[in-house]
Amino acid sequence: MPNILLNESDASRQKLLRKRLREQGSHVWSLNRLHDAESRLGKRKFDLMILDLDAQRIDDITVLLEHCQKLPVLLQASGLDASLDFRCWIADELVEKIETGDNVVAAVKKLLAPNRARKSHAGN
């Protein structure tokens, strides 16, 4: 079972995504703030990280990526113009937040597919 670190600022959406991803067969650990991630990353090996772009500062993202350079990153954002956000350089995949979370579940499947080429966040 894949281990997923989920960062979502909205509690009801976090609950929905946890449920949907568990139904898909993943273990999901929630993270409300990025600077809490360091302790989680040291205790467990994660296969994917889902970040809420709406709630992140570039400094927090940069520090986090120093600790998990090979970890695939899925960004979710509220608006379609999020792709223009300079913080998107860290993403292996970017999805818009939709109510059902279907696109997050689909993106997770894609990112966890065997033999998928991984983006390196080194040197950022």
PDB file of N, CA and C in Angstrom:
ATOM      1  N   MET A   1       0.834  -1.191   0.000  1.00  0.00           N
ATOM      2  CA  MET A   1       0.000   0.000   0.000  1.00  0.00           C
ATOM      3  C   MET A   1       0.873   1.246   0.000  1.00  0.00           C
ATOM      4  N   PRO A   2       0.588   2.160  -0.889  1.00  0.00           N
ATOM      5  CA  PRO A   2       1.375   3.397  -0.924  1.00  0.00           C
ATOM      6  C   PRO A   2       1.082   4.288   0.285  1.00  0.00           C
ATOM      7  N   ASN A   3       2.101   4.980   0.729  1.00  0.00           N
ATOM      8  CA  ASN A   3       1.983   5.955   1.815  1.00  0.00           C
ATOM      9  C   ASN A   3       1.929   7.354   1.220  1.00  0.00           C
ATOM     10  N   ILE A   4       0.872   8.090   1.563  1.00  0.00           N
ATOM     11  CA  ILE A   4       0.666   9.435   1.026  1.00  0.00           C
ATOM     12  C   ILE A   4       0.629  10.443   2.158  1.00  0.00           C
ATOM     13  N   LEU A   5       1.361  11.524   1.991  1.00  0.00           N
ATOM     14  CA  LEU A   5       1.336  12.645   2.928  1.00  0.00           C
ATOM     15  C   LEU A   5       0.423  13.703   2.323  1.00  0.00           C
ATOM     16  N   LEU A   6      -0.673  13.998   3.012  1.00  0.00           N
ATOM     17  CA  LEU A   6      -1.698  14.906   2.500  1.00  0.00           C
ATOM     18  C   LEU A   6      -1.715  16.205   3.287  1.00  0.00           C
ATOM     19  N   ASN A   7      -1.529  17.301   2.576  1.00  0.00           N
ATOM     20  CA  ASN A   7      -1.639  18.634   3.156  1.00  0.00           C
ATOM     21  C   ASN A   7      -2.845  19.307   2.527  1.00  0.00           C
ATOM     22  N   GLU A   8      -3.861  19.571   3.348  1.00  0.00           N
ATOM     23  CA  GLU A   8      -5.082  20.231   2.881  1.00  0.00           C
ATOM     24  C   GLU A   8      -5.566  21.155   3.987  1.00  0.00           C
ATOM     25  N   SER A   9      -5.777  22.430   3.655  1.00  0.00           N
ATOM     26  CA  SER A   9      -6.141  23.430   4.665  1.00  0.00           C
ATOM     27  C   SER A   9      -7.610  23.358   5.084  1.00  0.00           C
ATOM     28  N   ASP A  10      -8.476  22.827   4.227  1.00  0.00           N
ATOM     29  CA  ASP A  10      -9.899  22.733   4.544  1.00  0.00           C
ATOM     30  C   ASP A  10     -10.194  21.365   5.174  1.00  0.00           C
ATOM     31  N   ALA A  11     -10.698  21.368   6.407  1.00  0.00           N
ATOM     32  CA  ALA A  11     -10.906  20.130   7.156  1.00  0.00           C
ATOM     33  C   ALA A  11     -11.876  19.173   6.467  1.00  0.00           C
ATOM     34  N   SER A  12     -12.958  19.678   5.916  1.00  0.00           N
ATOM     35  CA  SER A  12     -13.932  18.785   5.269  1.00  0.00           C
ATOM     36  C   SER A  12     -13.358  18.189   3.984  1.00  0.00           C
ATOM     37  N   ARG A  13     -12.589  18.990   3.243  1.00  0.00           N
ATOM     38  CA  ARG A  13     -11.947  18.462   2.031  1.00  0.00           C
ATOM     39  C   ARG A  13     -10.868  17.451   2.392  1.00  0.00           C
ATOM     40  N   GLN A  14     -10.139  17.719   3.451  1.00  0.00           N
ATOM     41  CA  GLN A  14      -9.120  16.776   3.913  1.00  0.00           C
ATOM     42  C   GLN A  14      -9.761  15.422   4.247  1.00  0.00           C
ATOM     43  N   LYS A  15     -10.882  15.472   4.933  1.00  0.00           N
ATOM     44  CA  LYS A  15     -11.591  14.244   5.300  1.00  0.00           C
ATOM     45  C   LYS A  15     -12.046  13.487   4.047  1.00  0.00           C
ATOM     46  N   LEU A  16     -12.603  14.214   3.074  1.00  0.00           N
ATOM     47  CA  LEU A  16     -13.046  13.607   1.824  1.00  0.00           C
ATOM     48  C   LEU A  16     -11.884  12.947   1.084  1.00  0.00           C
ATOM     49  N   LEU A  17     -10.774  13.671   0.945  1.00  0.00           N
ATOM     50  CA  LEU A  17      -9.626  13.128   0.212  1.00  0.00           C
ATOM     51  C   LEU A  17      -9.027  11.924   0.928  1.00  0.00           C
ATOM     52  N   ARG A  18      -8.952  11.986   2.246  1.00  0.00           N
ATOM     53  CA  ARG A  18      -8.446  10.832   3.007  1.00  0.00           C
ATOM     54  C   ARG A  18      -9.304   9.606   2.729  1.00  0.00           C
ATOM     55  N   LYS A  19     -10.603   9.789   2.758  1.00  0.00           N
ATOM     56  CA  LYS A  19     -11.540   8.681   2.520  1.00  0.00           C
ATOM     57  C   LYS A  19     -11.364   8.113   1.110  1.00  0.00           C
ATOM     58  N   ARG A  20     -11.346   8.994   0.119  1.00  0.00           N
ATOM     59  CA  ARG A  20     -11.229   8.558  -1.280  1.00  0.00           C
ATOM     60  C   ARG A  20      -9.900   7.840  -1.539  1.00  0.00           C
ATOM     61  N   LEU A  21      -8.819   8.371  -0.984  1.00  0.00           N
ATOM     62  CA  LEU A  21      -7.503   7.760  -1.205  1.00  0.00           C
ATOM     63  C   LEU A  21      -7.368   6.434  -0.463  1.00  0.00           C
ATOM     64  N   ARG A  22      -7.965   6.332   0.704  1.00  0.00           N
ATOM     65  CA  ARG A  22      -7.966   5.046   1.426  1.00  0.00           C
ATOM     66  C   ARG A  22      -8.765   3.998   0.661  1.00  0.00           C
ATOM     67  N   GLU A  23      -9.878   4.407   0.074  1.00  0.00           N
ATOM     68  CA  GLU A  23     -10.673   3.485  -0.747  1.00  0.00           C
ATOM     69  C   GLU A  23      -9.866   2.987  -1.942  1.00  0.00           C
ATOM     70  N   GLN A  24      -8.951   3.799  -2.400  1.00  0.00           N
ATOM     71  CA  GLN A  24      -8.071   3.446  -3.520  1.00  0.00           C
ATOM     72  C   GLN A  24      -6.962   2.501  -3.057  1.00  0.00           C
ATOM     73  N   GLY A  25      -6.800   2.339  -1.754  1.00  0.00           N
ATOM     74  CA  GLY A  25      -5.805   1.417  -1.233  1.00  0.00           C
ATOM     75  C   GLY A  25      -4.554   2.066  -0.674  1.00  0.00           C
ATOM     76  N   SER A  26      -4.600   3.337  -0.380  1.00  0.00           N
ATOM     77  CA  SER A  26      -3.433   4.054   0.146  1.00  0.00           C
ATOM     78  C   SER A  26      -3.549   4.272   1.647  1.00  0.00           C
ATOM     79  N   HIS A  27      -2.401   4.335   2.296  1.00  0.00           N
ATOM     80  CA  HIS A  27      -2.326   4.825   3.672  1.00  0.00           C
ATOM     81  C   HIS A  27      -2.153   6.335   3.565  1.00  0.00           C
ATOM     82  N   VAL A  28      -2.939   7.107   4.320  1.00  0.00           N
ATOM     83  CA  VAL A  28      -2.899   8.561   4.209  1.00  0.00           C
ATOM     84  C   VAL A  28      -2.611   9.187   5.566  1.00  0.00           C
ATOM     85  N   TRP A  29      -1.589  10.041   5.609  1.00  0.00           N
ATOM     86  CA  TRP A  29      -1.265  10.806   6.803  1.00  0.00           C
ATOM     87  C   TRP A  29      -1.512  12.274   6.500  1.00  0.00           C
ATOM     88  N   SER A  30      -2.268  12.908   7.360  1.00  0.00           N
ATOM     89  CA  SER A  30      -2.615  14.313   7.151  1.00  0.00           C
ATOM     90  C   SER A  30      -1.593  15.236   7.776  1.00  0.00           C
ATOM     91  N   LEU A  31      -1.478  16.383   7.166  1.00  0.00           N
ATOM     92  CA  LEU A  31      -0.523  17.386   7.586  1.00  0.00           C
ATOM     93  C   LEU A  31      -1.183  18.745   7.419  1.00  0.00           C
ATOM     94  N   ASN A  32      -1.408  19.447   8.509  1.00  0.00           N
ATOM     95  CA  ASN A  32      -2.075  20.744   8.414  1.00  0.00           C
ATOM     96  C   ASN A  32      -1.124  21.860   8.006  1.00  0.00           C
ATOM     97  N   ARG A  33       0.110  21.793   8.477  1.00  0.00           N
ATOM     98  CA  ARG A  33       1.096  22.832   8.153  1.00  0.00           C
ATOM     99  C   ARG A  33       2.364  22.180   7.628  1.00  0.00           C
ATOM    100  N   LEU A  34       2.972  22.780   6.644  1.00  0.00           N
ATOM    101  CA  LEU A  34       4.167  22.195   6.045  1.00  0.00           C
ATOM    102  C   LEU A  34       5.336  22.079   7.008  1.00  0.00           C
ATOM    103  N   HIS A  35       5.475  23.028   7.911  1.00  0.00           N
ATOM    104  CA  HIS A  35       6.646  22.929   8.783  1.00  0.00           C
ATOM    105  C   HIS A  35       6.499  21.800   9.802  1.00  0.00           C
ATOM    106  N   ASP A  36       5.355  21.105   9.830  1.00  0.00           N
ATOM    107  CA  ASP A  36       5.211  19.896  10.641  1.00  0.00           C
ATOM    108  C   ASP A  36       5.669  18.658   9.870  1.00  0.00           C
ATOM    109  N   ALA A  37       5.935  18.801   8.598  1.00  0.00           N
ATOM    110  CA  ALA A  37       6.262  17.656   7.741  1.00  0.00           C
ATOM    111  C   ALA A  37       7.601  17.023   8.076  1.00  0.00           C
ATOM    112  N   GLU A  38       8.541  17.804   8.503  1.00  0.00           N
ATOM    113  CA  GLU A  38       9.878  17.277   8.746  1.00  0.00           C
ATOM    114  C   GLU A  38       9.857  16.100   9.718  1.00  0.00           C
ATOM    115  N   SER A  39       9.089  16.219  10.786  1.00  0.00           N
ATOM    116  CA  SER A  39       9.020  15.117  11.748  1.00  0.00           C
ATOM    117  C   SER A  39       8.342  13.895  11.144  1.00  0.00           C
ATOM    118  N   ARG A  40       7.333  14.082  10.317  1.00  0.00           N
ATOM    119  CA  ARG A  40       6.647  12.951   9.662  1.00  0.00           C
ATOM    120  C   ARG A  40       7.564  12.262   8.661  1.00  0.00           C
ATOM    121  N   LEU A  41       8.319  13.052   7.905  1.00  0.00           N
ATOM    122  CA  LEU A  41       9.186  12.490   6.881  1.00  0.00           C
ATOM    123  C   LEU A  41      10.297  11.636   7.476  1.00  0.00           C
ATOM    124  N   GLY A  42      10.723  11.967   8.676  1.00  0.00           N
ATOM    125  CA  GLY A  42      11.774  11.196   9.321  1.00  0.00           C
ATOM    126  C   GLY A  42      11.299   9.872   9.894  1.00  0.00           C
ATOM    127  N   LYS A  43      10.003   9.722  10.100  1.00  0.00           N
ATOM    128  CA  LYS A  43       9.457   8.515  10.734  1.00  0.00           C
ATOM    129  C   LYS A  43       8.955   7.480   9.742  1.00  0.00           C
ATOM    130  N   ARG A  44       8.712   7.869   8.519  1.00  0.00           N
ATOM    131  CA  ARG A  44       8.050   6.977   7.580  1.00  0.00           C
ATOM    132  C   ARG A  44       8.498   7.303   6.161  1.00  0.00           C
ATOM    133  N   LYS A  45       8.518   6.296   5.322  1.00  0.00           N
ATOM    134  CA  LYS A  45       8.828   6.502   3.905  1.00  0.00           C
ATOM    135  C   LYS A  45       7.517   6.764   3.172  1.00  0.00           C
ATOM    136  N   PHE A  46       7.450   7.886   2.485  1.00  0.00           N
ATOM    137  CA  PHE A  46       6.262   8.237   1.726  1.00  0.00           C
ATOM    138  C   PHE A  46       6.512   8.042   0.241  1.00  0.00           C
ATOM    139  N   ASP A  47       5.429   7.736  -0.455  1.00  0.00           N
ATOM    140  CA  ASP A  47       5.501   7.517  -1.895  1.00  0.00           C
ATOM    141  C   ASP A  47       5.034   8.735  -2.695  1.00  0.00           C
ATOM    142  N   LEU A  48       4.283   9.631  -2.029  1.00  0.00           N
ATOM    143  CA  LEU A  48       3.707  10.781  -2.711  1.00  0.00           C
ATOM    144  C   LEU A  48       3.312  11.830  -1.684  1.00  0.00           C
ATOM    145  N   MET A  49       3.424  13.086  -2.085  1.00  0.00           N
ATOM    146  CA  MET A  49       2.999  14.187  -1.231  1.00  0.00           C
ATOM    147  C   MET A  49       1.990  15.028  -2.005  1.00  0.00           C
ATOM    148  N   ILE A  50       0.844  15.311  -1.355  1.00  0.00           N
ATOM    149  CA  ILE A  50      -0.185  16.166  -1.943  1.00  0.00           C
ATOM    150  C   ILE A  50      -0.204  17.469  -1.159  1.00  0.00           C
ATOM    151  N   LEU A  51       0.028  18.574  -1.848  1.00  0.00           N
ATOM    152  CA  LEU A  51       0.098  19.880  -1.190  1.00  0.00           C
ATOM    153  C   LEU A  51      -1.038  20.780  -1.642  1.00  0.00           C
ATOM    154  N   ASP A  52      -1.550  21.527  -0.708  1.00  0.00           N
ATOM    155  CA  ASP A  52      -2.577  22.537  -0.951  1.00  0.00           C
ATOM    156  C   ASP A  52      -1.846  23.837  -1.283  1.00  0.00           C
ATOM    157  N   LEU A  53      -1.807  24.180  -2.546  1.00  0.00           N
ATOM    158  CA  LEU A  53      -1.079  25.372  -2.979  1.00  0.00           C
ATOM    159  C   LEU A  53      -1.668  26.644  -2.394  1.00  0.00           C
ATOM    160  N   ASP A  54      -2.969  26.641  -2.123  1.00  0.00           N
ATOM    161  CA  ASP A  54      -3.639  27.831  -1.603  1.00  0.00           C
ATOM    162  C   ASP A  54      -3.103  28.251  -0.240  1.00  0.00           C
ATOM    163  N   ALA A  55      -2.507  27.330   0.486  1.00  0.00           N
ATOM    164  CA  ALA A  55      -2.119  27.620   1.864  1.00  0.00           C
ATOM    165  C   ALA A  55      -0.607  27.643   2.093  1.00  0.00           C
ATOM    166  N   GLN A  56       0.196  27.680   1.033  1.00  0.00           N
ATOM    167  CA  GLN A  56       1.643  27.538   1.204  1.00  0.00           C
ATOM    168  C   GLN A  56       2.432  28.786   0.827  1.00  0.00           C
ATOM    169  N   ARG A  57       3.503  28.969   1.583  1.00  0.00           N
ATOM    170  CA  ARG A  57       4.479  30.019   1.250  1.00  0.00           C
ATOM    171  C   ARG A  57       5.665  29.348   0.578  1.00  0.00           C
ATOM    172  N   ILE A  58       6.322  30.028  -0.312  1.00  0.00           N
ATOM    173  CA  ILE A  58       7.450  29.453  -1.037  1.00  0.00           C
ATOM    174  C   ILE A  58       8.566  29.013  -0.094  1.00  0.00           C
ATOM    175  N   ASP A  59       8.807  29.742   0.988  1.00  0.00           N
ATOM    176  CA  ASP A  59       9.859  29.355   1.940  1.00  0.00           C
ATOM    177  C   ASP A  59       9.575  27.993   2.557  1.00  0.00           C
ATOM    178  N   ASP A  60       8.327  27.744   2.945  1.00  0.00           N
ATOM    179  CA  ASP A  60       7.964  26.457   3.536  1.00  0.00           C
ATOM    180  C   ASP A  60       8.115  25.322   2.523  1.00  0.00           C
ATOM    181  N   ILE A  61       7.710  25.582   1.288  1.00  0.00           N
ATOM    182  CA  ILE A  61       7.829  24.570   0.241  1.00  0.00           C
ATOM    183  C   ILE A  61       9.294  24.244  -0.027  1.00  0.00           C
ATOM    184  N   THR A  62      10.130  25.236  -0.128  1.00  0.00           N
ATOM    185  CA  THR A  62      11.550  25.031  -0.411  1.00  0.00           C
ATOM    186  C   THR A  62      12.221  24.213   0.679  1.00  0.00           C
ATOM    187  N   VAL A  63      11.953  24.537   1.926  1.00  0.00           N
ATOM    188  CA  VAL A  63      12.538  23.787   3.046  1.00  0.00           C
ATOM    189  C   VAL A  63      12.076  22.333   3.011  1.00  0.00           C
ATOM    190  N   LEU A  64      10.809  22.139   2.754  1.00  0.00           N
ATOM    191  CA  LEU A  64      10.264  20.790   2.695  1.00  0.00           C
ATOM    192  C   LEU A  64      10.928  19.969   1.591  1.00  0.00           C
ATOM    193  N   LEU A  65      11.109  20.557   0.425  1.00  0.00           N
ATOM    194  CA  LEU A  65      11.694  19.825  -0.696  1.00  0.00           C
ATOM    195  C   LEU A  65      13.152  19.455  -0.466  1.00  0.00           C
ATOM    196  N   GLU A  66      13.831  20.167   0.398  1.00  0.00           N
ATOM    197  CA  GLU A  66      15.201  19.792   0.736  1.00  0.00           C
ATOM    198  C   GLU A  66      15.241  18.429   1.421  1.00  0.00           C
ATOM    199  N   HIS A  67      14.152  18.054   2.075  1.00  0.00           N
ATOM    200  CA  HIS A  67      14.084  16.797   2.804  1.00  0.00           C
ATOM    201  C   HIS A  67      13.479  15.656   1.981  1.00  0.00           C
ATOM    202  N   CYS A  68      12.901  15.958   0.845  1.00  0.00           N
ATOM    203  CA  CYS A  68      12.221  14.907   0.068  1.00  0.00           C
ATOM    204  C   CYS A  68      12.367  15.154  -1.421  1.00  0.00           C
ATOM    205  N   GLN A  69      13.597  15.238  -1.883  1.00  0.00           N
ATOM    206  CA  GLN A  69      13.856  15.614  -3.268  1.00  0.00           C
ATOM    207  C   GLN A  69      13.323  14.625  -4.295  1.00  0.00           C
ATOM    208  N   LYS A  70      13.207  13.369  -3.944  1.00  0.00           N
ATOM    209  CA  LYS A  70      12.775  12.362  -4.918  1.00  0.00           C
ATOM    210  C   LYS A  70      11.299  12.017  -4.785  1.00  0.00           C
ATOM    211  N   LEU A  71      10.617  12.650  -3.877  1.00  0.00           N
ATOM    212  CA  LEU A  71       9.214  12.369  -3.627  1.00  0.00           C
ATOM    213  C   LEU A  71       8.331  13.095  -4.643  1.00  0.00           C
ATOM    214  N   PRO A  72       7.455  12.366  -5.359  1.00  0.00           N
ATOM    215  CA  PRO A  72       6.540  13.040  -6.287  1.00  0.00           C
ATOM    216  C   PRO A  72       5.622  14.003  -5.538  1.00  0.00           C
ATOM    217  N   VAL A  73       5.346  15.132  -6.162  1.00  0.00           N
ATOM    218  CA  VAL A  73       4.513  16.168  -5.547  1.00  0.00           C
ATOM    219  C   VAL A  73       3.306  16.449  -6.433  1.00  0.00           C
ATOM    220  N   LEU A  74       2.119  16.336  -5.825  1.00  0.00           N
ATOM    221  CA  LEU A  74       0.866  16.692  -6.478  1.00  0.00           C
ATOM    222  C   LEU A  74       0.363  17.961  -5.823  1.00  0.00           C
ATOM    223  N   LEU A  75       0.212  19.016  -6.622  1.00  0.00           N
ATOM    224  CA  LEU A  75      -0.317  20.275  -6.104  1.00  0.00           C
ATOM    225  C   LEU A  75      -1.786  20.386  -6.475  1.00  0.00           C
ATOM    226  N   GLN A  76      -2.573  20.876  -5.524  1.00  0.00           N
ATOM    227  CA  GLN A  76      -3.967  21.180  -5.804  1.00  0.00           C
ATOM    228  C   GLN A  76      -4.194  22.647  -5.486  1.00  0.00           C
ATOM    229  N   ALA A  77      -4.966  23.304  -6.335  1.00  0.00           N
ATOM    230  CA  ALA A  77      -5.197  24.736  -6.184  1.00  0.00           C
ATOM    231  C   ALA A  77      -6.641  25.063  -6.541  1.00  0.00           C
ATOM    232  N   SER A  78      -7.114  26.187  -6.025  1.00  0.00           N
ATOM    233  CA  SER A  78      -8.514  26.572  -6.220  1.00  0.00           C
ATOM    234  C   SER A  78      -8.824  27.137  -7.599  1.00  0.00           C
ATOM    235  N   GLY A  79      -7.884  27.789  -8.236  1.00  0.00           N
ATOM    236  CA  GLY A  79      -8.199  28.455  -9.495  1.00  0.00           C
ATOM    237  C   GLY A  79      -7.449  27.898 -10.678  1.00  0.00           C
ATOM    238  N   LEU A  80      -8.021  28.068 -11.850  1.00  0.00           N
ATOM    239  CA  LEU A  80      -7.363  27.617 -13.071  1.00  0.00           C
ATOM    240  C   LEU A  80      -6.081  28.385 -13.341  1.00  0.00           C
ATOM    241  N   ASP A  81      -5.997  29.612 -12.862  1.00  0.00           N
ATOM    242  CA  ASP A  81      -4.798  30.412 -13.085  1.00  0.00           C
ATOM    243  C   ASP A  81      -3.640  29.969 -12.197  1.00  0.00           C
ATOM    244  N   ALA A  82      -3.823  28.912 -11.405  1.00  0.00           N
ATOM    245  CA  ALA A  82      -2.746  28.427 -10.541  1.00  0.00           C
ATOM    246  C   ALA A  82      -1.529  27.992 -11.341  1.00  0.00           C
ATOM    247  N   SER A  83      -1.749  27.549 -12.578  1.00  0.00           N
ATOM    248  CA  SER A  83      -0.610  27.118 -13.390  1.00  0.00           C
ATOM    249  C   SER A  83       0.351  28.266 -13.671  1.00  0.00           C
ATOM    250  N   LEU A  84      -0.100  29.494 -13.495  1.00  0.00           N
ATOM    251  CA  LEU A  84       0.757  30.657 -13.680  1.00  0.00           C
ATOM    252  C   LEU A  84       1.529  31.014 -12.414  1.00  0.00           C
ATOM    253  N   ASP A  85       1.207  30.356 -11.317  1.00  0.00           N
ATOM    254  CA  ASP A  85       1.852  30.609 -10.029  1.00  0.00           C
ATOM    255  C   ASP A  85       3.283  30.071 -10.058  1.00  0.00           C
ATOM    256  N   PHE A  86       4.239  30.877  -9.683  1.00  0.00           N
ATOM    257  CA  PHE A  86       5.644  30.467  -9.740  1.00  0.00           C
ATOM    258  C   PHE A  86       5.959  29.291  -8.816  1.00  0.00           C
ATOM    259  N   ARG A  87       5.115  29.022  -7.826  1.00  0.00           N
ATOM    260  CA  ARG A  87       5.365  27.888  -6.928  1.00  0.00           C
ATOM    261  C   ARG A  87       5.115  26.541  -7.609  1.00  0.00           C
ATOM    262  N   CYS A  88       4.518  26.550  -8.783  1.00  0.00           N
ATOM    263  CA  CYS A  88       4.170  25.306  -9.469  1.00  0.00           C
ATOM    264  C   CYS A  88       5.384  24.557 -10.019  1.00  0.00           C
ATOM    265  N   TRP A  89       6.553  25.161  -9.995  1.00  0.00           N
ATOM    266  CA  TRP A  89       7.745  24.476 -10.483  1.00  0.00           C
ATOM    267  C   TRP A  89       8.022  23.202  -9.702  1.00  0.00           C
ATOM    268  N   ILE A  90       7.508  23.089  -8.507  1.00  0.00           N
ATOM    269  CA  ILE A  90       7.784  21.894  -7.705  1.00  0.00           C
ATOM    270  C   ILE A  90       6.890  20.721  -8.066  1.00  0.00           C
ATOM    271  N   ALA A  91       5.822  20.965  -8.816  1.00  0.00           N
ATOM    272  CA  ALA A  91       4.801  19.943  -9.025  1.00  0.00           C
ATOM    273  C   ALA A  91       5.163  18.940 -10.111  1.00  0.00           C
ATOM    274  N   ASP A  92       4.890  17.687  -9.814  1.00  0.00           N
ATOM    275  CA  ASP A  92       4.907  16.651 -10.843  1.00  0.00           C
ATOM    276  C   ASP A  92       3.556  16.645 -11.553  1.00  0.00           C
ATOM    277  N   GLU A  93       2.549  17.128 -10.837  1.00  0.00           N
ATOM    278  CA  GLU A  93       1.191  17.206 -11.378  1.00  0.00           C
ATOM    279  C   GLU A  93       0.480  18.346 -10.656  1.00  0.00           C
ATOM    280  N   LEU A  94      -0.379  19.062 -11.384  1.00  0.00           N
ATOM    281  CA  LEU A  94      -1.166  20.159 -10.820  1.00  0.00           C
ATOM    282  C   LEU A  94      -2.626  19.919 -11.164  1.00  0.00           C
ATOM    283  N   VAL A  95      -3.496  19.948 -10.139  1.00  0.00           N
ATOM    284  CA  VAL A  95      -4.932  19.784 -10.374  1.00  0.00           C
ATOM    285  C   VAL A  95      -5.690  20.914  -9.704  1.00  0.00           C
ATOM    286  N   GLU A  96      -6.834  21.214 -10.299  1.00  0.00           N
ATOM    287  CA  GLU A  96      -7.717  22.210  -9.691  1.00  0.00           C
ATOM    288  C   GLU A  96      -8.563  21.512  -8.634  1.00  0.00           C
ATOM    289  N   LYS A  97      -8.815  22.212  -7.538  1.00  0.00           N
ATOM    290  CA  LYS A  97      -9.679  21.658  -6.496  1.00  0.00           C
ATOM    291  C   LYS A  97     -11.107  21.594  -7.024  1.00  0.00           C
ATOM    292  N   ILE A  98     -11.647  20.389  -7.061  1.00  0.00           N
ATOM    293  CA  ILE A  98     -13.068  20.222  -7.380  1.00  0.00           C
ATOM    294  C   ILE A  98     -13.714  19.483  -6.224  1.00  0.00           C
ATOM    295  N   GLU A  99     -15.003  19.665  -6.095  1.00  0.00           N
ATOM    296  CA  GLU A  99     -15.729  19.186  -4.918  1.00  0.00           C
ATOM    297  C   GLU A  99     -15.578  17.691  -4.662  1.00  0.00           C
ATOM    298  N   THR A 100     -15.615  16.874  -5.703  1.00  0.00           N
ATOM    299  CA  THR A 100     -15.595  15.418  -5.526  1.00  0.00           C
ATOM    300  C   THR A 100     -14.213  14.853  -5.236  1.00  0.00           C
ATOM    301  N   GLY A 101     -13.170  15.570  -5.633  1.00  0.00           N
ATOM    302  CA  GLY A 101     -11.809  15.063  -5.469  1.00  0.00           C
ATOM    303  C   GLY A 101     -11.421  14.023  -6.502  1.00  0.00           C
ATOM    304  N   ASP A 102     -12.276  13.802  -7.513  1.00  0.00           N
ATOM    305  CA  ASP A 102     -12.000  12.785  -8.531  1.00  0.00           C
ATOM    306  C   ASP A 102     -10.664  13.007  -9.233  1.00  0.00           C
ATOM    307  N   ASN A 103     -10.353  14.275  -9.528  1.00  0.00           N
ATOM    308  CA  ASN A 103      -9.108  14.547 -10.255  1.00  0.00           C
ATOM    309  C   ASN A 103      -7.879  14.295  -9.380  1.00  0.00           C
ATOM    310  N   VAL A 104      -7.992  14.461  -8.079  1.00  0.00           N
ATOM    311  CA  VAL A 104      -6.880  14.143  -7.178  1.00  0.00           C
ATOM    312  C   VAL A 104      -6.647  12.633  -7.183  1.00  0.00           C
ATOM    313  N   VAL A 105      -7.720  11.866  -7.062  1.00  0.00           N
ATOM    314  CA  VAL A 105      -7.612  10.408  -7.065  1.00  0.00           C
ATOM    315  C   VAL A 105      -6.988   9.920  -8.376  1.00  0.00           C
ATOM    316  N   ALA A 106      -7.426  10.476  -9.501  1.00  0.00           N
ATOM    317  CA  ALA A 106      -6.863  10.094 -10.800  1.00  0.00           C
ATOM    318  C   ALA A 106      -5.388  10.471 -10.911  1.00  0.00           C
ATOM    319  N   ALA A 107      -5.033  11.641 -10.432  1.00  0.00           N
ATOM    320  CA  ALA A 107      -3.629  12.086 -10.492  1.00  0.00           C
ATOM    321  C   ALA A 107      -2.745  11.216  -9.594  1.00  0.00           C
ATOM    322  N   VAL A 108      -3.256  10.814  -8.451  1.00  0.00           N
ATOM    323  CA  VAL A 108      -2.494   9.933  -7.550  1.00  0.00           C
ATOM    324  C   VAL A 108      -2.210   8.606  -8.250  1.00  0.00           C
ATOM    325  N   LYS A 109      -3.216   8.041  -8.886  1.00  0.00           N
ATOM    326  CA  LYS A 109      -3.015   6.786  -9.630  1.00  0.00           C
ATOM    327  C   LYS A 109      -1.917   6.946 -10.674  1.00  0.00           C
ATOM    328  N   LYS A 110      -1.980   8.035 -11.388  1.00  0.00           N
ATOM    329  CA  LYS A 110      -0.989   8.303 -12.445  1.00  0.00           C
ATOM    330  C   LYS A 110       0.411   8.446 -11.855  1.00  0.00           C
ATOM    331  N   LEU A 111       0.534   9.205 -10.773  1.00  0.00           N
ATOM    332  CA  LEU A 111       1.848   9.450 -10.177  1.00  0.00           C
ATOM    333  C   LEU A 111       2.434   8.208  -9.504  1.00  0.00           C
ATOM    334  N   LEU A 112       1.593   7.301  -9.057  1.00  0.00           N
ATOM    335  CA  LEU A 112       2.074   6.088  -8.396  1.00  0.00           C
ATOM    336  C   LEU A 112       2.232   4.914  -9.353  1.00  0.00           C
ATOM    337  N   ALA A 113       1.958   5.128 -10.630  1.00  0.00           N
ATOM    338  CA  ALA A 113       2.072   4.054 -11.613  1.00  0.00           C
ATOM    339  C   ALA A 113       3.513   3.540 -11.674  1.00  0.00           C
ATOM    340  N   PRO A 114       3.665   2.222 -11.788  1.00  0.00           N
ATOM    341  CA  PRO A 114       5.021   1.653 -11.880  1.00  0.00           C
ATOM    342  C   PRO A 114       5.768   2.198 -13.097  1.00  0.00           C
ATOM    343  N   ASN A 115       7.055   2.309 -12.957  1.00  0.00           N
ATOM    344  CA  ASN A 115       7.947   2.750 -14.040  1.00  0.00           C
ATOM    345  C   ASN A 115       7.701   4.173 -14.513  1.00  0.00           C
ATOM    346  N   ARG A 116       7.017   4.975 -13.716  1.00  0.00           N
ATOM    347  CA  ARG A 116       6.797   6.370 -14.081  1.00  0.00           C
ATOM    348  C   ARG A 116       8.076   7.155 -13.809  1.00  0.00           C
ATOM    349  N   ALA A 117       8.488   7.975 -14.743  1.00  0.00           N
ATOM    350  CA  ALA A 117       9.685   8.802 -14.553  1.00  0.00           C
ATOM    351  C   ALA A 117       9.401   9.831 -13.452  1.00  0.00           C
ATOM    352  N   ARG A 118      10.339   9.986 -12.548  1.00  0.00           N
ATOM    353  CA  ARG A 118      10.192  10.928 -11.434  1.00  0.00           C
ATOM    354  C   ARG A 118      10.925  12.224 -11.726  1.00  0.00           C
ATOM    355  N   LYS A 119      10.319  13.308 -11.338  1.00  0.00           N
ATOM    356  CA  LYS A 119      10.926  14.632 -11.466  1.00  0.00           C
ATOM    357  C   LYS A 119      11.867  14.823 -10.278  1.00  0.00           C
ATOM    358  N   SER A 120      13.029  15.363 -10.511  1.00  0.00           N
ATOM    359  CA  SER A 120      13.951  15.644  -9.420  1.00  0.00           C
ATOM    360  C   SER A 120      13.812  17.097  -9.020  1.00  0.00           C
ATOM    361  N   HIS A 121      13.706  17.341  -7.720  1.00  0.00           N
ATOM    362  CA  HIS A 121      13.580  18.701  -7.205  1.00  0.00           C
ATOM    363  C   HIS A 121      14.933  19.234  -6.734  1.00  0.00           C
ATOM    364  N   ALA A 122      15.988  18.509  -7.012  1.00  0.00           N
ATOM    365  CA  ALA A 122      17.322  18.904  -6.578  1.00  0.00           C
ATOM    366  C   ALA A 122      17.766  20.170  -7.308  1.00  0.00           C
ATOM    367  N   GLY A 123      18.551  20.956  -6.636  1.00  0.00           N
ATOM    368  CA  GLY A 123      19.125  22.135  -7.241  1.00  0.00           C
ATOM    369  C   GLY A 123      18.187  23.311  -7.353  1.00  0.00           C
ATOM    370  N   ASN A 124      17.032  23.239  -6.705  1.00  0.00           N
ATOM    371  CA  ASN A 124      16.065  24.334  -6.771  1.00  0.00           C
ATOM    372  C   ASN A 124      16.361  25.396  -5.769  1.00  0.00           C
TER     373      ASN A 124
END
